[in-house]
Amino acid sequence: MKTTWMKLTRLAGLLSATTCLLAGFSGQSYAAWYETQGQAAVYNGNKIQAKHQATQEALRQAMLFAGASVRSVQQLTDGLLNKEQMEISSTGEVRQLELISESWHDDAVTVRIRADIFPAARQCSAATFSKTIATSYFPMLEPQHAQDGQVQELGRLVTSQIKREFDRSAEFAVISVVEPYTVQWQSRQIRDQATALATQTKSQFVLTGIIEDLSVFRPQPNRLAFWEDDTAMRNFRLKVELIDGVNGAPLLEKTYEAESEWEFDRFAQVDASSNHFWQSAYGKALQHQLQQLQSDVDEVLACVPATGRVISISAGNELNISLGRQHGLKVGDTLSVYQVQEVTDYRGVKFLQYHLYPSEVEVIEAYADNARVKAVNDDFLANIQANDFVAKR
């Protein structure tokens, strides 16, 4: 009966999911939850079983959309999800689950639930797919700091070094684009700048950075206390944000800083791209901080679904998308398709609403950075537009 119900549900396109991300772009904290609905037919008048199946499907949709998986679902008690008896695999965790509504019509029931889902890092299905990051040269908050050693190119070189660290060590993300110009990430339009860069480069995330401190401390020589250490010390402080290119929400905000010996003369023109610089005590201190940055970003993105955009819509009910082999995609993989809309509540708070299409798509051709997909079971792909999103979860 379950197989028949699943087939009927899929053919009728009875499933839908909406993910709402509270996104107040003025810098306050962000909250997220998942709302999904499932529908099931009533067989032999058994409404209890139909409601259970509808709830199970709604929760399954929410878990898969969040990058987790479920073995069995909540036990219904008096029509409410108020007793936690869910078995969840090690890939995810449900913090809170509630029944929003249920409606009966034409021998079918529709159940809507809300769930707070937190997939466990490094074990979810999304961890096998690579996420793309765009960035640019980092600005210096205090340009005069670079005069000691003439290291004005350090903003560009730090970005290049971060990319090398990702190429060498990252498991879950890749810096796919480094734009060859400096973006003033300290401006108040950072969210708009980030989402614009993500759209322009077809990247899922944007890494912003500001070099806040490169100051050098040089102790004054003391002839009477000649035994005192006169070694120059140089600071390094880099503030970064990892921003979701779809909604502008920050996933990581952190400052990396170090103080290390600066062995170069104040009037020297230091080649910060040279091996001599990066093998110096200061260069190694920088490299250590950038390695930590790479590790932190990789950890944050481990269970975030790989997301791309619909590039174009082809004849024959096919789509061209901006995910490909470099993201871990292969022929036969299935993806979700969804739209994003901005809505405003009565208080003027802005929300981003994610509308999941009922039909999934399947990869029929995979290229380096793009792929061709078609609807699973040859369903009709209605109302999908270029710049809609696809996600491998």
Protein backbone atom coordinates (compact mmCIF):
# COMPACT_ATOMS: atom_id res chain seq x y z
CA MET A 1 0.00 0.00 0.00
CA LYS A 2 2.85 2.37 0.82
CA THR A 3 4.43 1.93 -2.61
CA THR A 4 1.09 2.58 -4.31
CA TRP A 5 0.56 5.68 -2.19
CA MET A 6 4.02 7.00 -3.01
CA LYS A 7 3.42 6.53 -6.74
CA LEU A 8 0.03 8.22 -6.59
CA THR A 9 1.46 11.07 -4.62
CA ARG A 10 4.33 11.60 -7.04
CA LEU A 11 2.12 11.44 -10.13
CA ALA A 12 -0.35 13.89 -8.72
CA GLY A 13 2.40 16.26 -7.63
CA LEU A 14 0.89 16.42 -4.19
CA LEU A 15 4.05 17.23 -2.29
CA SER A 16 5.44 20.67 -1.76
CA ALA A 17 7.91 22.20 0.62
CA THR A 18 8.64 25.71 1.70
CA THR A 19 11.67 26.74 3.68
CA CYS A 20 11.47 30.10 5.38
CA LEU A 21 14.66 31.89 6.35
CA LEU A 22 14.24 34.95 8.50
CA ALA A 23 16.65 37.38 6.91
CA GLY A 24 16.70 40.79 8.49
CA PHE A 25 19.52 42.40 6.60
CA SER A 26 20.31 45.05 9.20
CA GLY A 27 22.79 42.85 11.03
CA GLN A 28 20.58 41.20 13.63
CA SER A 29 20.69 37.48 14.31
CA TYR A 30 19.24 35.07 11.77
CA ALA A 31 16.65 32.37 12.44
CA ALA A 32 15.65 29.53 10.16
CA TRP A 33 13.00 26.83 10.10
CA TYR A 34 11.58 24.36 7.61
CA GLU A 35 7.90 24.09 6.74
CA THR A 36 6.78 21.17 4.59
CA GLN A 37 3.54 19.54 3.68
CA GLY A 38 2.71 16.00 2.72
CA GLN A 39 -0.47 14.50 1.33
CA ALA A 40 -1.76 10.95 1.36
CA ALA A 41 -4.84 9.17 0.05
CA VAL A 42 -7.27 7.45 2.43
CA TYR A 43 -7.49 3.69 1.80
CA ASN A 44 -10.37 1.62 3.14
CA GLY A 45 -11.48 4.54 5.29
CA ASN A 46 -8.31 4.41 7.42
CA LYS A 47 -7.81 8.12 8.15
CA ILE A 48 -5.30 7.50 10.95
CA GLN A 49 -2.94 5.68 8.62
CA ALA A 50 -3.37 8.32 5.91
CA LYS A 51 -2.52 11.10 8.35
CA HIS A 52 0.53 9.19 9.58
CA GLN A 53 1.76 8.67 6.01
CA ALA A 54 1.21 12.34 5.13
CA THR A 55 3.12 13.44 8.22
CA GLN A 56 5.90 10.97 7.50
CA GLU A 57 6.29 12.28 3.97
CA ALA A 58 6.26 15.91 5.10
CA LEU A 59 9.01 15.23 7.63
CA ARG A 60 11.02 13.21 5.11
CA GLN A 61 10.89 16.14 2.69
CA ALA A 62 12.05 18.55 5.40
CA MET A 63 14.93 16.31 6.46
CA LEU A 64 16.14 15.70 2.92
CA PHE A 65 15.90 19.41 2.11
CA ALA A 66 18.05 20.10 5.18
CA GLY A 67 20.62 17.50 4.11
CA ALA A 68 19.72 14.77 6.60
CA SER A 69 17.80 11.48 6.44
CA VAL A 70 15.15 9.78 8.53
CA ARG A 71 14.56 6.09 9.32
CA SER A 72 11.20 6.46 10.97
CA VAL A 73 9.10 9.40 12.10
CA GLN A 74 7.18 10.95 14.91
CA GLN A 75 4.43 9.00 16.61
CA LEU A 76 1.13 10.83 16.45
CA THR A 77 -0.67 11.26 19.77
CA ASP A 78 -4.14 12.79 19.81
CA GLY A 79 -3.44 14.28 16.40
CA LEU A 80 -0.43 16.26 17.64
CA LEU A 81 3.28 15.65 17.29
CA ASN A 82 3.93 15.88 21.00
CA LYS A 83 5.86 12.70 21.79
CA GLU A 84 9.41 12.40 20.58
CA GLN A 85 9.81 8.85 19.22
CA MET A 86 11.72 9.51 16.04
CA GLU A 87 14.68 7.44 14.95
CA ILE A 88 17.09 9.62 13.05
CA SER A 89 20.28 8.36 11.47
CA SER A 90 23.59 9.85 12.56
CA THR A 91 23.33 12.36 9.71
CA GLY A 92 20.91 14.73 11.35
CA GLU A 93 19.00 16.01 14.36
CA VAL A 94 15.54 17.49 14.80
CA ARG A 95 15.48 20.02 17.62
CA GLN A 96 11.79 20.91 17.45
CA LEU A 97 8.83 19.56 15.52
CA GLU A 98 5.21 20.72 15.48
CA LEU A 99 2.02 20.16 13.53
CA ILE A 100 0.78 23.36 11.92
CA SER A 101 -2.39 22.19 10.21
CA GLU A 102 -4.26 19.30 8.67
CA SER A 103 -7.02 19.37 6.08
CA TRP A 104 -9.21 16.65 4.58
CA HIS A 105 -10.55 16.70 1.04
CA ASP A 106 -11.59 14.18 -1.62
CA ASP A 107 -10.48 11.13 0.39
CA ALA A 108 -7.04 12.61 1.02
CA VAL A 109 -5.37 14.44 3.88
CA THR A 110 -2.82 17.25 3.73
CA VAL A 111 -0.58 17.75 6.77
CA ARG A 112 1.74 20.72 7.25
CA ILE A 113 4.57 20.60 9.81
CA ARG A 114 7.34 22.90 11.00
CA ALA A 115 10.73 21.50 12.05
CA ASP A 116 14.05 22.84 13.29
CA ILE A 117 16.65 20.57 11.70
CA PHE A 118 20.38 20.59 12.34
CA PRO A 119 22.32 18.05 10.22
CA ALA A 120 25.45 16.67 11.84
CA ALA A 121 28.61 17.93 10.17
CA ARG A 122 30.71 15.68 7.92
CA GLN A 123 28.18 12.82 7.93
CA CYS A 124 25.27 14.13 5.89
CA SER A 125 24.70 13.26 2.26
CA ALA A 126 25.56 16.81 1.16
CA ALA A 127 29.14 16.32 2.37
CA THR A 128 29.99 14.43 -0.82
CA PHE A 129 29.33 17.47 -2.98
CA SER A 130 31.61 20.46 -3.36
CA LYS A 131 30.31 23.99 -2.76
CA THR A 132 31.60 26.94 -4.76
CA ILE A 133 32.94 30.15 -3.24
CA ALA A 134 33.68 33.46 -4.95
CA THR A 135 35.95 36.10 -3.47
CA SER A 136 38.07 39.09 -4.49
CA TYR A 137 41.19 40.92 -3.37
CA PHE A 138 40.92 42.04 0.24
CA PRO A 139 41.15 45.77 1.07
CA MET A 140 43.38 47.23 3.78
CA LEU A 141 41.58 49.22 6.42
CA GLU A 142 44.77 51.19 7.17
CA PRO A 143 46.76 51.43 3.88
CA GLN A 144 49.60 53.31 5.60
CA HIS A 145 50.44 50.12 7.53
CA ALA A 146 51.71 48.59 4.29
CA GLN A 147 54.43 51.22 3.86
CA ASP A 148 56.78 49.39 6.22
CA GLY A 149 58.24 46.82 3.84
CA GLN A 150 56.16 48.13 0.92
CA VAL A 151 53.69 45.23 1.14
CA GLN A 152 50.77 46.95 -0.58
CA GLU A 153 50.12 43.77 -2.61
CA LEU A 154 49.38 41.72 0.49
CA GLY A 155 45.60 42.05 0.03
CA ARG A 156 45.85 40.32 -3.34
CA LEU A 157 48.41 37.79 -2.16
CA VAL A 158 46.47 36.78 0.95
CA THR A 159 43.48 35.96 -1.24
CA SER A 160 45.67 33.90 -3.56
CA GLN A 161 47.15 32.06 -0.59
CA ILE A 162 43.67 31.25 0.73
CA LYS A 163 42.80 29.74 -2.64
CA ARG A 164 45.95 27.60 -2.50
CA GLU A 165 44.93 26.34 0.94
CA PHE A 166 41.50 25.36 -0.40
CA ASP A 167 43.02 23.66 -3.44
CA ARG A 168 45.37 21.73 -1.19
CA SER A 169 43.22 20.76 1.77
CA ALA A 170 39.49 21.50 1.43
CA GLU A 171 37.08 18.56 1.45
CA PHE A 172 33.71 20.26 0.97
CA ALA A 173 34.30 23.58 -0.80
CA VAL A 174 36.29 25.12 -3.61
CA ILE A 175 37.17 28.74 -4.32
CA SER A 176 36.00 28.78 -7.91
CA VAL A 177 36.48 32.48 -8.63
CA VAL A 178 38.88 35.16 -7.37
CA GLU A 179 37.83 38.43 -8.93
CA PRO A 180 40.95 40.48 -9.89
CA TYR A 181 39.95 43.66 -8.09
CA THR A 182 39.47 44.93 -4.57
CA VAL A 183 35.95 45.08 -3.17
CA GLN A 184 35.39 47.43 -0.25
CA TRP A 185 33.78 44.82 1.98
CA GLN A 186 33.74 47.24 4.91
CA SER A 187 30.89 49.19 3.29
CA ARG A 188 27.33 48.88 4.58
CA GLN A 189 26.18 47.31 1.31
CA ILE A 190 28.14 44.11 1.97
CA ARG A 191 25.06 41.85 1.64
CA ASP A 192 24.04 43.36 -1.69
CA GLN A 193 27.63 43.23 -2.95
CA ALA A 194 27.97 39.58 -1.95
CA THR A 195 24.74 38.39 -3.57
CA ALA A 196 25.57 40.38 -6.73
CA LEU A 197 29.02 38.74 -6.90
CA ALA A 198 27.50 35.30 -6.35
CA THR A 199 25.04 35.85 -9.19
CA GLN A 200 27.72 37.22 -11.49
CA THR A 201 30.09 34.29 -10.87
CA LYS A 202 27.40 31.58 -10.50
CA SER A 203 28.85 30.76 -7.08
CA GLN A 204 26.98 29.53 -4.04
CA PHE A 205 28.88 31.50 -1.41
CA VAL A 206 31.04 34.61 -1.13
CA LEU A 207 34.06 35.01 1.15
CA THR A 208 34.68 38.61 2.13
CA GLY A 209 37.73 39.89 3.95
CA ILE A 210 39.23 43.08 5.36
CA ILE A 211 42.84 43.33 6.49
CA GLU A 212 42.37 45.49 9.57
CA ASP A 213 45.89 45.62 10.96
CA LEU A 214 49.41 45.27 9.52
CA SER A 215 51.11 47.62 11.96
CA VAL A 216 54.76 47.17 12.96
CA PHE A 217 56.21 47.83 16.39
CA ARG A 218 59.91 48.73 16.36
CA PRO A 219 61.42 49.26 19.83
CA GLN A 220 63.71 52.24 20.19
CA PRO A 221 67.36 51.24 20.72
CA ASN A 222 68.64 51.82 24.24
CA ARG A 223 72.44 52.18 24.52
CA LEU A 224 72.34 51.69 28.27
CA ALA A 225 70.21 48.57 28.11
CA PHE A 226 71.85 47.05 25.05
CA TRP A 227 70.83 43.54 26.14
CA GLU A 228 67.15 44.30 25.58
CA ASP A 229 65.53 42.70 22.55
CA ASP A 230 65.14 45.17 19.67
CA THR A 231 63.37 42.77 17.31
CA ALA A 232 60.55 44.37 15.33
CA MET A 233 57.11 42.77 15.69
CA ARG A 234 54.33 42.94 13.13
CA ASN A 235 50.59 42.39 13.58
CA PHE A 236 48.13 40.71 11.29
CA ARG A 237 44.39 40.92 11.72
CA LEU A 238 41.96 39.71 9.06
CA LYS A 239 38.18 39.92 9.48
CA VAL A 240 36.21 37.60 7.20
CA GLU A 241 32.60 36.73 6.52
CA LEU A 242 31.26 33.77 4.61
CA ILE A 243 27.98 34.87 3.04
CA ASP A 244 25.22 32.85 1.42
CA GLY A 245 25.01 34.11 -2.15
CA VAL A 246 21.27 33.47 -2.33
CA ASN A 247 19.96 35.31 0.72
CA GLY A 248 22.90 37.37 1.98
CA ALA A 249 22.95 35.62 5.36
CA PRO A 250 26.36 35.26 7.03
CA LEU A 251 27.35 31.68 7.81
CA LEU A 252 30.66 32.55 9.42
CA GLU A 253 32.00 35.75 10.94
CA LYS A 254 35.46 35.55 12.44
CA THR A 255 38.67 37.50 12.95
CA TYR A 256 42.06 35.85 12.48
CA GLU A 257 45.01 37.56 14.08
CA ALA A 258 48.64 36.98 14.88
CA GLU A 259 51.76 38.82 16.04
CA SER A 260 55.15 37.67 14.86
CA GLU A 261 58.73 38.73 14.40
CA TRP A 262 59.28 41.04 11.42
CA GLU A 263 62.81 40.49 10.16
CA PHE A 264 62.77 43.03 7.35
CA ASP A 265 64.07 46.60 7.38
CA ARG A 266 61.55 49.42 7.38
CA PHE A 267 62.96 50.75 4.08
CA ALA A 268 63.19 47.38 2.35
CA GLN A 269 60.88 46.56 -0.54
CA VAL A 270 59.72 43.12 0.50
CA ASP A 271 58.51 40.79 -2.23
CA ALA A 272 55.47 39.35 -0.44
CA SER A 273 54.97 36.84 -3.23
CA SER A 274 58.39 35.28 -2.69
CA ASN A 275 59.17 32.06 -0.91
CA HIS A 276 61.53 34.02 1.35
CA PHE A 277 58.58 36.05 2.68
CA TRP A 278 56.30 33.05 3.27
CA GLN A 279 59.13 31.09 4.94
CA SER A 280 59.87 33.96 7.33
CA ALA A 281 58.43 33.89 10.85
CA TYR A 282 55.78 36.42 9.86
CA GLY A 283 54.89 34.59 6.64
CA LYS A 284 54.48 31.32 8.54
CA ALA A 285 52.25 33.05 11.11
CA LEU A 286 50.04 34.34 8.28
CA GLN A 287 49.94 30.94 6.66
CA HIS A 288 48.85 29.32 9.92
CA GLN A 289 45.93 31.75 10.23
CA LEU A 290 44.87 31.18 6.61
CA GLN A 291 44.98 27.43 7.12
CA GLN A 292 42.68 27.85 10.11
CA LEU A 293 40.35 30.00 8.01
CA GLN A 294 40.18 27.30 5.33
CA SER A 295 39.43 24.64 7.94
CA ASP A 296 36.67 26.74 9.54
CA VAL A 297 34.95 27.46 6.23
CA ASP A 298 35.18 23.80 5.21
CA GLU A 299 33.58 22.75 8.50
CA VAL A 300 30.73 25.24 8.15
CA LEU A 301 29.93 24.12 4.60
CA ALA A 302 30.23 20.36 5.16
CA CYS A 303 26.49 19.70 5.33
CA VAL A 304 25.21 22.67 3.36
CA PRO A 305 23.58 21.38 0.16
CA ALA A 306 25.40 22.05 -3.11
CA THR A 307 23.30 24.70 -4.83
CA GLY A 308 23.37 26.01 -8.38
CA ARG A 309 21.19 28.05 -10.70
CA VAL A 310 19.07 27.28 -13.72
CA ILE A 311 21.08 28.73 -16.61
CA SER A 312 18.52 28.12 -19.35
CA ILE A 313 15.50 26.04 -20.25
CA SER A 314 15.85 23.77 -23.27
CA ALA A 315 13.30 22.18 -25.54
CA GLY A 316 12.12 18.77 -24.49
CA ASN A 317 11.49 19.71 -20.86
CA GLU A 318 15.20 19.96 -19.98
CA LEU A 319 17.22 22.47 -17.95
CA ASN A 320 20.83 23.60 -18.09
CA ILE A 321 22.23 24.19 -14.59
CA SER A 322 25.41 25.65 -13.12
CA LEU A 323 26.51 22.52 -11.23
CA GLY A 324 28.83 19.99 -12.84
CA ARG A 325 31.53 17.43 -12.26
CA GLN A 326 33.71 19.79 -10.25
CA HIS A 327 30.89 19.91 -7.68
CA GLY A 328 30.71 16.11 -7.51
CA LEU A 329 27.71 15.81 -9.83
CA LYS A 330 27.37 12.75 -12.06
CA VAL A 331 24.85 11.29 -14.49
CA GLY A 332 21.88 9.81 -12.66
CA ASP A 333 22.01 12.19 -9.66
CA THR A 334 18.69 13.76 -8.71
CA LEU A 335 18.27 17.38 -7.60
CA SER A 336 15.55 19.57 -6.15
CA VAL A 337 14.41 22.72 -7.96
CA TYR A 338 13.14 25.74 -6.05
CA GLN A 339 12.38 29.44 -6.28
CA VAL A 340 13.21 32.17 -3.80
CA GLN A 341 10.89 35.08 -3.06
CA GLU A 342 11.18 37.95 -0.63
CA VAL A 343 8.13 38.70 1.50
CA THR A 344 7.53 41.31 4.19
CA ASP A 345 5.36 40.78 7.25
CA TYR A 346 3.09 43.34 8.92
CA ARG A 347 6.00 44.60 11.03
CA GLY A 348 8.15 45.29 8.00
CA VAL A 349 10.48 42.35 8.70
CA LYS A 350 11.77 40.77 5.50
CA PHE A 351 11.67 37.02 4.94
CA LEU A 352 13.08 34.88 2.18
CA GLN A 353 10.68 32.13 1.22
CA TYR A 354 11.91 29.01 -0.57
CA HIS A 355 9.31 27.22 -2.73
CA LEU A 356 10.27 23.67 -3.66
CA TYR A 357 8.89 22.28 -6.94
CA PRO A 358 7.10 18.92 -6.55
CA SER A 359 9.17 17.27 -9.30
CA GLU A 360 12.86 16.49 -8.96
CA VAL A 361 15.24 16.55 -11.92
CA GLU A 362 17.82 13.98 -12.97
CA VAL A 363 21.27 14.63 -14.46
CA ILE A 364 21.48 13.29 -18.01
CA GLU A 365 24.78 14.95 -18.99
CA ALA A 366 27.46 16.31 -16.64
CA TYR A 367 30.24 18.68 -17.75
CA ALA A 368 33.05 20.37 -15.83
CA ASP A 369 31.00 23.23 -14.36
CA ASN A 370 27.48 22.68 -15.69
CA ALA A 371 25.01 19.92 -16.47
CA ARG A 372 21.85 19.09 -18.38
CA VAL A 373 18.91 17.72 -16.41
CA LYS A 374 15.37 16.56 -17.10
CA ALA A 375 12.35 15.89 -14.91
CA VAL A 376 12.25 12.57 -13.11
CA ASN A 377 9.50 10.30 -14.49
CA ASP A 378 9.13 12.76 -17.40
CA ASP A 379 6.99 15.08 -15.26
CA PHE A 380 6.24 18.46 -16.79
CA LEU A 381 8.48 21.25 -15.49
CA ALA A 382 6.06 24.16 -15.25
CA ASN A 383 6.85 27.75 -14.20
CA ILE A 384 10.61 27.18 -13.84
CA GLN A 385 12.64 30.19 -14.92
CA ALA A 386 16.29 31.03 -15.50
CA ASN A 387 18.02 31.92 -12.20
CA ASP A 388 15.80 29.58 -10.20
CA PHE A 389 17.84 27.26 -7.98
CA VAL A 390 18.75 23.59 -7.97
CA ALA A 391 20.17 21.74 -4.98
CA LYS A 392 21.79 18.37 -4.41
CA ARG A 393 20.85 17.29 -0.91
